[in-house]
Amino acid sequence: MRRSRLNLFKVTSMSISVLGIILIIATIALFAYIGISALSSSVSSDVGSSSAYDQLAVLNNNYNSLQAQFNSVKLQVDSSNNQNAKKAFITARLELVKANSTISDVNSAITSGQSKDEIQNRINAARTQISAAEASLSNVRGML
């Protein structure tokens, strides 16, 4: 009878040890999976934000080019006595300021880590605003 109790104790003890080892391995595997998943999502979000940064750079480049065009047209508007052209230039200048603001919104969305859809919406709004500023500038040029 003592041997059967001893064997039962050994079997129970061995089962608990094996179960403990299995639980430790499962816990390590779970933490490894969570870590790899977090790293993977971090890498994919970095890739997505890289594209957004590229689009932001294009927007900034378009804005800087447009601003240079505004500066050259400003000289022409100031030298002319056309009041309508001056009013149209002020309106166009406001459109340029709005474009700068929307580009700042894009930058803010990217740096704060907002969703890709929100960033893309802001990029589209900035493109639209730059187009509106370009149209206003061509309107001023048409008056000169």
Protein backbone atom coordinates (compact mmCIF):
# COMPACT_ATOMS: atom_id res chain seq x y z
CA MET A 1 0.00 0.00 0.00
CA ARG A 2 2.87 2.31 0.73
CA ARG A 3 4.28 1.67 -2.70
CA SER A 4 1.01 2.53 -4.43
CA ARG A 5 0.81 5.80 -2.48
CA LEU A 6 4.40 6.53 -3.35
CA ASN A 7 3.76 5.77 -7.03
CA LEU A 8 0.61 7.89 -6.95
CA PHE A 9 2.60 10.73 -5.39
CA LYS A 10 5.31 10.38 -8.03
CA VAL A 11 2.79 10.36 -10.88
CA THR A 12 0.92 13.35 -9.45
CA SER A 13 4.12 15.24 -8.81
CA MET A 14 5.40 14.49 -12.30
CA SER A 15 2.06 15.55 -13.87
CA ILE A 16 2.10 18.83 -12.01
CA SER A 17 5.69 19.48 -13.06
CA VAL A 18 4.95 18.73 -16.72
CA LEU A 19 1.81 20.90 -16.57
CA GLY A 20 3.85 23.73 -15.01
CA ILE A 21 6.48 23.51 -17.73
CA ILE A 22 3.76 23.54 -20.41
CA LEU A 23 2.17 26.62 -18.83
CA ILE A 24 5.52 28.42 -18.65
CA ILE A 25 6.22 27.65 -22.32
CA ALA A 26 2.69 28.79 -23.30
CA THR A 27 3.16 32.05 -21.35
CA ILE A 28 6.49 32.73 -23.04
CA ALA A 29 4.94 31.98 -26.44
CA LEU A 30 2.04 34.34 -25.70
CA PHE A 31 4.34 37.19 -24.70
CA ALA A 32 6.51 36.56 -27.77
CA TYR A 33 3.42 36.69 -30.00
CA ILE A 34 2.24 39.95 -28.41
CA GLY A 35 5.71 41.46 -28.80
CA ILE A 36 6.03 40.43 -32.44
CA SER A 37 2.52 41.66 -33.17
CA ALA A 38 3.25 45.06 -31.61
CA LEU A 39 6.54 45.32 -33.52
CA SER A 40 4.82 44.36 -36.77
CA SER A 41 2.08 46.95 -36.37
CA SER A 42 4.68 49.56 -35.46
CA VAL A 43 6.64 48.82 -38.63
CA SER A 44 3.51 48.90 -40.80
CA SER A 45 2.37 52.20 -39.31
CA ASP A 46 5.84 53.65 -39.91
CA VAL A 47 5.59 52.60 -43.55
CA GLY A 48 2.15 54.23 -43.81
CA SER A 49 3.34 57.43 -42.21
CA SER A 50 6.35 57.46 -44.51
CA SER A 51 3.99 57.73 -47.47
CA ALA A 52 2.12 60.50 -45.68
CA TYR A 53 5.39 62.34 -45.04
CA ASP A 54 6.21 62.05 -48.75
CA GLN A 55 2.84 63.56 -49.64
CA LEU A 56 3.38 66.30 -47.06
CA ALA A 57 6.74 67.11 -48.65
CA VAL A 58 5.05 67.43 -52.05
CA LEU A 59 2.41 69.72 -50.55
CA ASN A 60 5.09 71.90 -48.95
CA ASN A 61 6.97 72.05 -52.24
CA ASN A 62 3.80 73.09 -54.10
CA TYR A 63 3.06 75.71 -51.46
CA ASN A 64 6.58 77.17 -51.63
CA SER A 65 6.40 77.35 -55.41
CA LEU A 66 2.99 79.02 -55.22
CA GLN A 67 4.24 81.47 -52.62
CA ALA A 68 7.10 82.47 -54.93
CA GLN A 69 4.58 83.06 -57.71
CA PHE A 70 2.50 85.19 -55.35
CA ASN A 71 5.53 87.31 -54.51
CA SER A 72 6.24 88.00 -58.18
CA VAL A 73 2.59 88.83 -58.91
CA LYS A 74 2.49 91.10 -55.85
CA LEU A 75 5.05 93.37 -57.46
CA GLN A 76 2.93 93.62 -60.59
CA VAL A 77 -0.25 94.30 -58.60
CA ASP A 78 1.45 96.97 -56.50
CA SER A 79 2.78 98.74 -59.59
CA SER A 80 -0.62 98.74 -61.30
CA ASN A 81 -3.45 101.06 -60.31
CA ASN A 82 -6.10 98.40 -60.91
CA GLN A 83 -8.22 98.29 -57.75
CA ASN A 84 -10.02 95.15 -58.87
CA ALA A 85 -6.70 93.37 -59.26
CA LYS A 86 -5.66 94.50 -55.78
CA LYS A 87 -8.90 93.17 -54.26
CA ALA A 88 -8.53 89.90 -56.16
CA PHE A 89 -4.93 89.64 -54.98
CA ILE A 90 -6.03 90.05 -51.35
CA THR A 91 -8.60 87.30 -51.86
CA ALA A 92 -5.96 85.10 -53.49
CA ARG A 93 -3.56 85.81 -50.63
CA LEU A 94 -6.24 84.60 -48.18
CA GLU A 95 -6.52 81.39 -50.18
CA LEU A 96 -2.75 80.97 -49.87
CA VAL A 97 -2.96 81.45 -46.10
CA LYS A 98 -5.74 78.84 -45.95
CA ALA A 99 -3.55 76.46 -47.95
CA ASN A 100 -0.73 76.94 -45.46
CA SER A 101 -3.16 76.23 -42.63
CA THR A 102 -4.39 73.00 -44.22
CA ILE A 103 -0.80 71.86 -44.78
CA SER A 104 -0.15 72.51 -41.09
CA ASP A 105 -3.21 70.40 -40.30
CA VAL A 106 -1.74 67.54 -42.33
CA ASN A 107 1.54 67.81 -40.44
CA SER A 108 -0.32 67.86 -37.15
CA ALA A 109 -2.33 64.76 -38.06
CA ILE A 110 0.79 62.86 -39.06
CA THR A 111 2.80 63.77 -35.97
CA SER A 112 -0.10 63.02 -33.61
CA GLY A 113 -0.51 59.57 -35.17
CA GLN A 114 -4.08 59.90 -36.37
CA SER A 115 -5.70 57.28 -38.58
CA LYS A 116 -4.70 56.89 -42.21
CA ASP A 117 -8.17 57.92 -43.34
CA GLU A 118 -8.03 61.16 -41.36
CA ILE A 119 -4.55 61.94 -42.69
CA GLN A 120 -5.67 61.22 -46.25
CA ASN A 121 -8.74 63.46 -45.80
CA ARG A 122 -6.52 66.30 -44.64
CA ILE A 123 -4.09 65.74 -47.52
CA ASN A 124 -6.99 65.90 -49.97
CA ALA A 125 -8.25 69.10 -48.32
CA ALA A 126 -4.77 70.63 -48.61
CA ARG A 127 -4.58 69.70 -52.29
CA THR A 128 -7.97 71.26 -52.88
CA GLN A 129 -6.95 74.43 -51.06
CA ILE A 130 -3.71 74.72 -53.03
CA SER A 131 -5.73 74.34 -56.24
CA ALA A 132 -8.07 77.09 -55.06
CA ALA A 133 -5.10 79.36 -54.35
CA GLU A 134 -3.67 78.62 -57.80
CA ALA A 135 -7.03 79.45 -59.41
CA SER A 136 -7.21 82.72 -57.47
CA LEU A 137 -3.70 83.60 -58.56
CA SER A 138 -4.49 82.93 -62.21
CA ASN A 139 -7.58 85.13 -61.79
CA VAL A 140 -5.35 87.97 -60.59
CA ARG A 141 -2.97 87.41 -63.49
CA GLY A 142 -5.92 87.63 -65.86
CA MET A 143 -6.76 91.08 -64.49
CA LEU A 144 -3.28 92.45 -65.06
